[in-house]
Amino acid sequence: MVKILLLCGDTNRAKSYASILKNKTKIHLIGLLYGIEKRESHNSIINIDANTKEYLNSIEVEIPELNKDIESIFKDNQWDYSLVKEKNVNDVEIINKIKSVDCDFVVFAGYGGQILTKEHFLQGKKYVHCHPGWLPLERGSTTLYYSLLNNRKLSVTSFFMTEKIDEGNMILRKSYPSPKKQINIDIWADNALRADTLSRSIELFQNNYTGFSRDTKEEDQEYYVIHPLLKHISLLSLKQKNL
């Protein structure tokens, strides 16, 4: 039995992870939900468009449940969890709670832009992150759009986190076919592909897998947050390829 602590905010990534982890049989999932206050359930609906649904189905990637808040997902599955109002993932209260949890891995699904400080890594726990992009080639932000611009497949890399960004031992690098039509990357594809890679990574954990070091000879390219115009061009490129 693999014990996993999901360290997360109420994010689409966290919901995607939880959606796919509920189907895993040999794991024990615990949640530390931070930056969340008790509140009434919201009624906003996030619909998936036909192209994105067709794409995910064609590559046999599960479509996540995004229309429930993360706490409701934990309640529905009767998973143990604790809530912390503090939104700073590096707050001492959050770090102390992580220390108190008996787990094999901490899966990080926090709020965008947050970087874990060294205090997280001083307690001996293994932190796992799923990065959208083929590491070390596609580092940084919004890499899936750059993959499209560079005529590459869409990839996700799971790895063990360290103080250095995107530098830890890799667990799995998984590539998926490029879509043939314009799809919703930000909400659906990014999160669904990350969740699928996490699921496959957990299967490796169950066999005492420790990951592998990156080849220092591999090309290393840093990508920054993509400009809205370039994002639009990357999606238009899909349409042009299939005319």
Protein backbone atom coordinates (compact mmCIF):
# COMPACT_ATOMS: atom_id res chain seq x y z
CA MET A 1 0.00 0.00 0.00
CA VAL A 2 1.47 3.35 -1.07
CA LYS A 3 0.59 6.24 1.25
CA ILE A 4 0.20 9.53 -0.59
CA LEU A 5 -0.36 12.99 0.84
CA LEU A 6 -1.98 15.33 -1.68
CA LEU A 7 -0.76 18.81 -0.78
CA CYS A 8 -3.10 21.05 -2.70
CA GLY A 9 -5.25 24.10 -3.07
CA ASP A 10 -8.69 24.12 -4.62
CA THR A 11 -7.19 23.96 -8.12
CA ASN A 12 -8.14 22.18 -11.32
CA ARG A 13 -4.88 20.27 -11.10
CA ALA A 14 -5.73 18.98 -7.62
CA LYS A 15 -9.21 17.99 -8.76
CA SER A 16 -7.73 16.16 -11.74
CA TYR A 17 -5.30 14.26 -9.53
CA ALA A 18 -8.04 13.33 -7.09
CA SER A 19 -10.32 12.21 -9.95
CA ILE A 20 -7.79 9.72 -11.24
CA LEU A 21 -6.48 8.58 -7.86
CA LYS A 22 -9.92 7.42 -6.76
CA ASN A 23 -9.58 4.58 -9.26
CA LYS A 24 -6.23 3.38 -7.92
CA THR A 25 -6.53 0.32 -5.74
CA LYS A 26 -3.27 0.00 -3.84
CA ILE A 27 -2.93 3.51 -2.46
CA HIS A 28 -3.99 5.28 0.71
CA LEU A 29 -4.72 8.94 -0.03
CA ILE A 30 -4.67 11.72 2.56
CA GLY A 31 -5.28 15.40 1.85
CA LEU A 32 -3.78 18.60 3.18
CA LEU A 33 -6.00 21.21 1.57
CA TYR A 34 -4.59 24.68 2.10
CA GLY A 35 -5.71 28.19 1.25
CA ILE A 36 -9.27 26.97 1.72
CA GLU A 37 -11.92 28.23 4.09
CA LYS A 38 -15.23 26.59 4.90
CA ARG A 39 -17.75 27.91 2.41
CA GLU A 40 -20.91 27.08 0.54
CA SER A 41 -20.51 24.87 -2.52
CA HIS A 42 -20.38 26.84 -5.76
CA ASN A 43 -22.64 26.13 -8.71
CA SER A 44 -20.40 27.23 -11.60
CA ILE A 45 -20.08 24.62 -14.33
CA ILE A 46 -16.90 24.02 -16.34
CA ASN A 47 -17.92 22.44 -19.62
CA ILE A 48 -15.56 20.49 -21.84
CA ASP A 49 -15.77 21.30 -25.56
CA ALA A 50 -16.24 18.60 -28.18
CA ASN A 51 -12.72 18.83 -29.65
CA THR A 52 -11.02 18.46 -26.28
CA LYS A 53 -13.28 15.59 -25.26
CA GLU A 54 -12.61 13.83 -28.56
CA TYR A 55 -8.85 14.31 -28.15
CA LEU A 56 -8.67 12.95 -24.60
CA ASN A 57 -10.89 10.00 -25.49
CA SER A 58 -8.78 9.22 -28.57
CA ILE A 59 -5.59 8.96 -26.49
CA GLU A 60 -7.39 7.09 -23.70
CA VAL A 61 -6.82 9.72 -21.04
CA GLU A 62 -9.47 10.03 -18.36
CA ILE A 63 -11.50 13.25 -18.33
CA PRO A 64 -11.27 14.66 -14.80
CA GLU A 65 -14.11 15.88 -12.59
CA LEU A 66 -13.72 19.65 -12.35
CA ASN A 67 -17.21 20.65 -11.28
CA LYS A 68 -16.79 19.89 -7.59
CA ASP A 69 -14.53 21.66 -5.15
CA ILE A 70 -11.60 19.63 -3.85
CA GLU A 71 -13.07 19.24 -0.37
CA SER A 72 -16.28 17.75 -1.80
CA ILE A 73 -14.23 15.24 -3.78
CA PHE A 74 -12.45 14.14 -0.59
CA LYS A 75 -15.76 13.86 1.27
CA ASP A 76 -17.39 11.85 -1.53
CA ASN A 77 -14.52 9.35 -1.47
CA GLN A 78 -14.36 9.28 2.33
CA TRP A 79 -10.67 10.21 2.31
CA ASP A 80 -9.05 11.71 5.39
CA TYR A 81 -8.03 15.33 5.04
CA SER A 82 -7.31 18.49 6.96
CA LEU A 83 -8.00 22.09 6.04
CA VAL A 84 -5.65 25.04 6.47
CA LYS A 85 -6.75 28.61 5.78
CA GLU A 86 -3.19 29.80 5.14
CA LYS A 87 -2.51 30.14 1.40
CA ASN A 88 1.28 30.40 1.66
CA VAL A 89 2.49 26.83 1.11
CA ASN A 90 5.72 27.64 2.93
CA ASP A 91 3.99 28.71 6.13
CA VAL A 92 5.26 26.94 9.25
CA GLU A 93 1.78 25.60 10.05
CA ILE A 94 1.64 23.76 6.71
CA ILE A 95 5.19 22.42 7.01
CA ASN A 96 4.49 21.14 10.53
CA LYS A 97 1.32 19.39 9.39
CA ILE A 98 3.23 17.66 6.58
CA LYS A 99 5.82 16.50 9.14
CA SER A 100 3.06 14.92 11.23
CA VAL A 101 1.63 12.84 8.36
CA ASP A 102 2.79 9.26 7.83
CA CYS A 103 3.19 9.05 4.05
CA ASP A 104 5.53 7.70 1.39
CA PHE A 105 5.13 10.61 -1.02
CA VAL A 106 3.81 14.17 -1.04
CA VAL A 107 2.14 15.03 -4.35
CA PHE A 108 2.18 18.79 -4.87
CA ALA A 109 -0.77 20.48 -6.59
CA GLY A 110 -0.65 23.99 -5.23
CA TYR A 111 -1.52 27.42 -6.55
CA GLY A 112 0.18 28.74 -9.68
CA GLY A 113 3.58 30.34 -9.21
CA GLN A 114 4.26 28.93 -5.76
CA ILE A 115 7.77 27.57 -5.12
CA LEU A 116 8.56 25.31 -2.19
CA THR A 117 11.33 26.53 0.11
CA LYS A 118 14.11 24.34 1.49
CA GLU A 119 12.23 23.75 4.76
CA HIS A 120 9.99 21.30 2.92
CA PHE A 121 12.94 19.15 1.95
CA LEU A 122 14.62 19.02 5.36
CA GLN A 123 12.11 16.55 6.78
CA GLY A 124 13.02 13.57 4.61
CA LYS A 125 9.76 13.26 2.70
CA LYS A 126 9.72 12.72 -1.07
CA TYR A 127 7.82 15.42 -2.96
CA VAL A 128 6.44 14.61 -6.41
CA HIS A 129 5.53 17.11 -9.12
CA CYS A 130 4.17 16.58 -12.64
CA HIS A 131 5.60 19.18 -15.00
CA PRO A 132 3.91 19.85 -18.37
CA GLY A 133 6.80 19.40 -20.79
CA TRP A 134 9.70 17.08 -21.56
CA LEU A 135 12.45 17.80 -19.04
CA PRO A 136 15.07 19.11 -19.24
CA LEU A 137 14.26 20.30 -22.78
CA GLU A 138 11.02 22.10 -21.90
CA ARG A 139 11.46 23.92 -18.61
CA GLY A 140 9.45 26.80 -17.24
CA SER A 141 5.86 27.80 -17.82
CA THR A 142 3.12 27.13 -20.41
CA THR A 143 5.40 24.63 -22.14
CA LEU A 144 2.61 22.74 -23.91
CA TYR A 145 2.03 25.72 -26.18
CA TYR A 146 5.72 25.85 -27.01
CA SER A 147 5.56 22.12 -27.81
CA LEU A 148 2.91 22.86 -30.42
CA LEU A 149 4.92 25.76 -31.85
CA ASN A 150 7.97 23.50 -32.12
CA ASN A 151 6.02 20.62 -33.72
CA ARG A 152 6.60 18.38 -30.73
CA LYS A 153 4.27 15.99 -28.99
CA LEU A 154 2.64 17.09 -25.74
CA SER A 155 4.68 15.72 -22.84
CA VAL A 156 4.59 15.54 -19.06
CA THR A 157 7.51 14.74 -16.77
CA SER A 158 7.01 13.54 -13.19
CA PHE A 159 9.98 14.01 -10.87
CA PHE A 160 11.09 14.19 -7.27
CA MET A 161 11.27 17.83 -6.23
CA THR A 162 14.32 19.51 -4.71
CA GLU A 163 15.18 23.07 -3.73
CA LYS A 164 16.24 23.65 -7.34
CA ILE A 165 13.35 24.11 -9.76
CA ASP A 166 12.75 21.16 -12.13
CA GLU A 167 16.06 19.55 -11.11
CA GLY A 168 15.24 16.39 -9.13
CA ASN A 169 15.46 12.77 -10.24
CA MET A 170 12.86 12.02 -12.88
CA ILE A 171 10.22 9.36 -12.39
CA LEU A 172 8.55 9.23 -15.79
CA ARG A 173 8.59 11.16 -19.05
CA LYS A 174 5.41 10.53 -21.03
CA SER A 175 4.54 11.92 -24.47
CA TYR A 176 1.06 12.13 -25.97
CA PRO A 177 0.07 12.60 -29.62
CA SER A 178 -0.45 16.21 -30.66
CA PRO A 179 -4.11 17.12 -31.12
CA LYS A 180 -5.41 17.45 -34.67
CA LYS A 181 -7.87 20.19 -33.76
CA GLN A 182 -7.89 23.18 -31.46
CA ILE A 183 -8.41 22.06 -27.87
CA ASN A 184 -8.62 23.65 -24.44
CA ILE A 185 -5.16 23.24 -23.01
CA ASP A 186 -5.26 25.46 -19.91
CA ILE A 187 -8.28 23.92 -18.20
CA TRP A 188 -8.57 20.39 -19.58
CA ALA A 189 -5.61 18.98 -21.51
CA ASP A 190 -2.86 20.25 -19.19
CA ASN A 191 -4.55 18.87 -16.09
CA ALA A 192 -5.74 15.61 -17.65
CA LEU A 193 -2.30 14.77 -19.05
CA ARG A 194 -0.62 15.57 -15.75
CA ALA A 195 -3.10 13.36 -13.91
CA ASP A 196 -2.55 10.49 -16.34
CA THR A 197 1.22 10.75 -15.89
CA LEU A 198 0.79 10.82 -12.10
CA SER A 199 -1.31 7.67 -12.28
CA ARG A 200 1.39 5.88 -14.29
CA SER A 201 4.05 7.15 -11.89
CA ILE A 202 2.22 5.72 -8.90
CA GLU A 203 2.26 2.32 -10.55
CA LEU A 204 6.06 2.65 -10.57
CA PHE A 205 6.08 3.66 -6.88
CA GLN A 206 4.34 0.40 -6.05
CA ASN A 207 7.43 -1.42 -7.34
CA ASN A 208 9.88 0.57 -5.16
CA TYR A 209 11.03 2.64 -8.12
CA THR A 210 13.51 5.42 -7.27
CA GLY A 211 13.62 7.32 -10.58
CA PHE A 212 16.51 8.18 -12.86
CA SER A 213 18.94 11.05 -13.27
CA ARG A 214 18.72 13.28 -16.31
CA ASP A 215 21.42 13.11 -18.95
CA THR A 216 23.53 16.25 -18.61
CA LYS A 217 24.07 16.20 -22.38
CA GLU A 218 20.38 16.72 -23.10
CA GLU A 219 19.33 20.09 -24.45
CA ASP A 220 17.99 22.45 -21.81
CA GLN A 221 15.60 25.22 -22.86
CA GLU A 222 13.85 27.63 -20.50
CA TYR A 223 10.37 28.81 -21.54
CA TYR A 224 8.61 31.70 -19.90
CA VAL A 225 4.91 32.49 -19.61
CA ILE A 226 3.70 32.57 -23.17
CA HIS A 227 2.40 35.81 -24.69
CA PRO A 228 -1.34 35.64 -25.50
CA LEU A 229 -0.58 36.22 -29.19
CA LEU A 230 1.87 33.30 -29.31
CA LYS A 231 -0.67 31.15 -27.48
CA HIS A 232 -3.24 32.00 -30.16
CA ILE A 233 -0.74 31.25 -32.94
CA SER A 234 0.13 27.86 -31.39
CA LEU A 235 -3.53 26.85 -31.42
CA LEU A 236 -4.05 28.18 -34.94
CA SER A 237 -1.13 26.03 -36.06
CA LEU A 238 -3.21 22.95 -35.31
CA LYS A 239 -5.89 24.15 -37.68
CA GLN A 240 -3.35 24.92 -40.41
CA LYS A 241 -1.76 21.46 -40.15
CA ASN A 242 -5.05 19.76 -40.78
CA LEU A 243 -6.48 21.80 -43.64
